[in-house]
Amino acid sequence: MSTAFTVALLSTIGCRGLKTFFTPPGPLNKQQASAVVHDPYPQNDIGPYDAASRPPSYQQPLAEPVRNRLIPDAMPWLGR
């Protein structure tokens, strides 16, 4: 019984180990970089422009060519 429980517990933990699932957000630079990549506000070049939908600090979203290069530049081994 305890062996089966241990195996089930270890299989649910996986490669993550014993770290918590809700880790702190990290230093300020990491949070800012994550906010640039995962911009939660609508893009101005995709839909109609609505100045009220973006807060003042997010008024300049990334340009489309830059957005298209984020993943390939971060993971060059994918060969894109």
N, C-alpha and C. Protein backbone atom coordinates (compact mmCIF):
# COMPACT_ATOMS: atom_id res chain seq x y z
N MET A 1 0.82 -1.19 0.00
CA MET A 1 0.00 0.00 0.00
C MET A 1 0.87 1.25 0.00
N SER A 2 1.85 1.32 0.88
CA SER A 2 2.68 2.51 0.95
C SER A 2 3.57 2.64 -0.28
N THR A 3 3.97 1.52 -0.89
CA THR A 3 4.79 1.58 -2.10
C THR A 3 3.97 2.17 -3.25
N ALA A 4 2.74 1.72 -3.38
CA ALA A 4 1.87 2.24 -4.44
C ALA A 4 1.61 3.74 -4.24
N PHE A 5 1.42 4.13 -3.00
CA PHE A 5 1.20 5.55 -2.70
C PHE A 5 2.44 6.37 -3.04
N THR A 6 3.60 5.85 -2.70
CA THR A 6 4.86 6.56 -2.99
C THR A 6 5.07 6.70 -4.48
N VAL A 7 4.82 5.65 -5.23
CA VAL A 7 4.96 5.70 -6.69
C VAL A 7 3.97 6.70 -7.28
N ALA A 8 2.74 6.68 -6.81
CA ALA A 8 1.74 7.63 -7.31
C ALA A 8 2.12 9.06 -6.97
N LEU A 9 2.64 9.27 -5.78
CA LEU A 9 3.05 10.61 -5.38
C LEU A 9 4.22 11.11 -6.21
N LEU A 10 5.21 10.26 -6.42
CA LEU A 10 6.37 10.66 -7.22
C LEU A 10 6.01 10.89 -8.68
N SER A 11 5.06 10.13 -9.21
CA SER A 11 4.67 10.33 -10.61
C SER A 11 3.89 11.63 -10.79
N THR A 12 3.18 12.07 -9.77
CA THR A 12 2.47 13.34 -9.90
C THR A 12 3.40 14.53 -9.73
N ILE A 13 4.46 14.36 -8.97
CA ILE A 13 5.43 15.45 -8.80
C ILE A 13 6.22 15.64 -10.08
N GLY A 14 6.63 14.56 -10.72
CA GLY A 14 7.36 14.63 -11.99
C GLY A 14 8.72 15.27 -11.84
N CYS A 15 9.16 15.97 -12.87
CA CYS A 15 10.48 16.57 -12.91
C CYS A 15 10.57 17.84 -12.07
N ARG A 16 9.47 18.35 -11.65
CA ARG A 16 9.47 19.60 -10.90
C ARG A 16 10.12 19.45 -9.54
N GLY A 17 10.14 18.26 -9.01
CA GLY A 17 10.75 18.05 -7.71
C GLY A 17 9.82 18.48 -6.60
N LEU A 18 10.41 18.88 -5.50
CA LEU A 18 9.62 19.25 -4.34
C LEU A 18 9.41 20.75 -4.22
N LYS A 19 9.67 21.50 -5.29
CA LYS A 19 9.42 22.94 -5.27
C LYS A 19 7.92 23.19 -5.19
N THR A 20 7.58 24.35 -4.70
CA THR A 20 6.16 24.69 -4.64
C THR A 20 5.66 25.05 -6.04
N PHE A 21 4.39 24.86 -6.27
CA PHE A 21 3.81 25.18 -7.57
C PHE A 21 3.56 26.68 -7.71
N PHE A 22 3.48 27.38 -6.60
CA PHE A 22 3.24 28.82 -6.64
C PHE A 22 4.49 29.53 -6.13
N THR A 23 5.47 29.62 -7.00
CA THR A 23 6.73 30.25 -6.62
C THR A 23 6.58 31.76 -6.67
N PRO A 24 7.44 32.49 -5.97
CA PRO A 24 7.38 33.95 -6.04
C PRO A 24 7.67 34.44 -7.45
N PRO A 25 7.20 35.62 -7.81
CA PRO A 25 7.36 36.10 -9.19
C PRO A 25 8.80 36.40 -9.60
N GLY A 26 9.70 36.54 -8.66
CA GLY A 26 11.09 36.78 -9.01
C GLY A 26 11.45 38.25 -8.95
N PRO A 27 12.69 38.57 -9.35
CA PRO A 27 13.13 39.97 -9.29
C PRO A 27 12.40 40.85 -10.30
N LEU A 28 12.54 42.14 -10.14
CA LEU A 28 11.82 43.11 -10.97
C LEU A 28 12.16 42.96 -12.45
N ASN A 29 13.42 42.72 -12.79
CA ASN A 29 13.80 42.57 -14.21
C ASN A 29 13.10 41.38 -14.85
N LYS A 30 12.99 40.29 -14.12
CA LYS A 30 12.31 39.10 -14.65
C LYS A 30 10.82 39.37 -14.84
N GLN A 31 10.21 40.08 -13.91
CA GLN A 31 8.79 40.42 -14.04
C GLN A 31 8.54 41.33 -15.23
N GLN A 32 9.43 42.30 -15.46
CA GLN A 32 9.27 43.22 -16.59
C GLN A 32 9.43 42.48 -17.91
N ALA A 33 10.41 41.58 -18.00
CA ALA A 33 10.61 40.82 -19.23
C ALA A 33 9.41 39.92 -19.51
N SER A 34 8.85 39.32 -18.47
CA SER A 34 7.67 38.48 -18.65
C SER A 34 6.48 39.31 -19.09
N ALA A 35 6.34 40.52 -18.57
CA ALA A 35 5.22 41.39 -18.97
C ALA A 35 5.35 41.84 -20.41
N VAL A 36 6.56 42.01 -20.91
CA VAL A 36 6.76 42.40 -22.30
C VAL A 36 6.37 41.25 -23.22
N VAL A 37 6.77 40.04 -22.88
CA VAL A 37 6.49 38.88 -23.73
C VAL A 37 5.01 38.53 -23.68
N HIS A 38 4.41 38.54 -22.51
CA HIS A 38 3.01 38.15 -22.34
C HIS A 38 2.15 39.39 -22.13
N ASP A 39 2.12 40.25 -23.12
CA ASP A 39 1.34 41.49 -23.05
C ASP A 39 -0.15 41.14 -23.04
N PRO A 40 -0.87 41.43 -21.95
CA PRO A 40 -2.26 40.99 -21.85
C PRO A 40 -3.26 41.91 -22.54
N TYR A 41 -2.80 42.98 -23.16
CA TYR A 41 -3.72 43.94 -23.74
C TYR A 41 -3.79 43.77 -25.25
N PRO A 42 -4.93 44.13 -25.88
CA PRO A 42 -5.08 43.94 -27.32
C PRO A 42 -4.07 44.76 -28.12
N GLN A 43 -3.63 44.19 -29.23
CA GLN A 43 -2.65 44.86 -30.09
C GLN A 43 -3.35 45.88 -30.98
N ASN A 44 -2.68 47.00 -31.22
CA ASN A 44 -3.27 48.06 -32.04
C ASN A 44 -3.32 47.69 -33.52
N ASP A 45 -2.41 46.83 -34.00
CA ASP A 45 -2.39 46.50 -35.42
C ASP A 45 -3.28 45.31 -35.76
N ILE A 46 -3.84 44.64 -34.79
CA ILE A 46 -4.70 43.48 -35.05
C ILE A 46 -6.16 43.89 -35.12
N GLY A 47 -6.58 44.74 -34.20
CA GLY A 47 -7.98 45.16 -34.14
C GLY A 47 -8.09 46.67 -34.10
N PRO A 48 -9.28 47.16 -33.85
CA PRO A 48 -9.46 48.61 -33.79
C PRO A 48 -8.71 49.20 -32.60
N TYR A 49 -8.22 50.42 -32.78
CA TYR A 49 -7.46 51.09 -31.73
C TYR A 49 -8.41 51.61 -30.67
N ASP A 50 -8.14 51.27 -29.44
CA ASP A 50 -8.92 51.76 -28.31
C ASP A 50 -7.95 52.22 -27.24
N ALA A 51 -7.76 53.52 -27.12
CA ALA A 51 -6.77 54.06 -26.19
C ALA A 51 -7.10 53.75 -24.74
N ALA A 52 -8.36 53.54 -24.44
CA ALA A 52 -8.76 53.29 -23.06
C ALA A 52 -8.47 51.85 -22.61
N SER A 53 -8.17 50.96 -23.54
CA SER A 53 -7.97 49.56 -23.17
C SER A 53 -6.58 49.28 -22.62
N ARG A 54 -5.62 50.16 -22.87
CA ARG A 54 -4.24 49.95 -22.40
C ARG A 54 -3.88 51.00 -21.36
N PRO A 55 -3.28 50.58 -20.23
CA PRO A 55 -2.83 51.56 -19.25
C PRO A 55 -1.67 52.39 -19.80
N PRO A 56 -1.37 53.52 -19.19
CA PRO A 56 -0.32 54.41 -19.72
C PRO A 56 1.04 53.74 -19.88
N SER A 57 1.40 52.84 -19.00
CA SER A 57 2.72 52.21 -19.10
C SER A 57 2.79 51.18 -20.22
N TYR A 58 1.66 50.81 -20.80
CA TYR A 58 1.63 49.84 -21.90
C TYR A 58 1.21 50.47 -23.22
N GLN A 59 1.33 51.78 -23.38
CA GLN A 59 0.87 52.45 -24.59
C GLN A 59 1.69 52.11 -25.82
N GLN A 60 2.92 51.66 -25.67
CA GLN A 60 3.78 51.31 -26.80
C GLN A 60 3.99 49.80 -26.84
N PRO A 61 3.08 49.04 -27.48
CA PRO A 61 3.28 47.59 -27.56
C PRO A 61 4.42 47.26 -28.53
N LEU A 62 4.88 46.03 -28.49
CA LEU A 62 5.93 45.60 -29.41
C LEU A 62 5.41 45.59 -30.84
N ALA A 63 6.27 45.94 -31.77
CA ALA A 63 5.89 45.90 -33.19
C ALA A 63 5.71 44.44 -33.63
N GLU A 64 4.96 44.23 -34.70
CA GLU A 64 4.68 42.87 -35.17
C GLU A 64 5.94 42.08 -35.51
N PRO A 65 6.93 42.65 -36.22
CA PRO A 65 8.15 41.87 -36.49
C PRO A 65 8.88 41.44 -35.22
N VAL A 66 8.85 42.29 -34.22
CA VAL A 66 9.50 41.94 -32.95
C VAL A 66 8.73 40.83 -32.25
N ARG A 67 7.39 40.92 -32.25
CA ARG A 67 6.57 39.86 -31.64
C ARG A 67 6.78 38.53 -32.34
N ASN A 68 6.95 38.56 -33.66
CA ASN A 68 7.15 37.32 -34.41
C ASN A 68 8.49 36.67 -34.13
N ARG A 69 9.47 37.43 -33.64
CA ARG A 69 10.81 36.89 -33.39
C ARG A 69 11.03 36.49 -31.93
N LEU A 70 10.10 36.74 -31.03
CA LEU A 70 10.33 36.46 -29.62
C LEU A 70 10.61 34.98 -29.37
N ILE A 71 9.77 34.10 -29.85
CA ILE A 71 9.94 32.66 -29.59
C ILE A 71 11.12 32.09 -30.37
N PRO A 72 11.26 32.36 -31.68
CA PRO A 72 12.43 31.79 -32.38
C PRO A 72 13.76 32.26 -31.81
N ASP A 73 13.85 33.49 -31.36
CA ASP A 73 15.11 33.97 -30.78
C ASP A 73 15.35 33.37 -29.40
N ALA A 74 14.29 33.08 -28.67
CA ALA A 74 14.44 32.49 -27.34
C ALA A 74 14.77 31.01 -27.42
N MET A 75 14.31 30.32 -28.48
CA MET A 75 14.54 28.88 -28.63
C MET A 75 15.10 28.58 -30.01
N PRO A 76 16.37 28.89 -30.27
CA PRO A 76 16.94 28.69 -31.62
C PRO A 76 17.04 27.22 -32.02
N TRP A 77 16.99 26.32 -31.07
CA TRP A 77 17.11 24.90 -31.41
C TRP A 77 15.88 24.36 -32.13
N LEU A 78 14.80 25.13 -32.17
CA LEU A 78 13.62 24.69 -32.90
C LEU A 78 13.80 24.86 -34.41
N GLY A 79 14.77 25.66 -34.82
CA GLY A 79 15.08 25.81 -36.24
C GLY A 79 14.08 26.60 -37.03
N ARG A 80 13.45 27.55 -36.43
CA ARG A 80 12.45 28.35 -37.16
C ARG A 80 13.09 29.55 -37.77
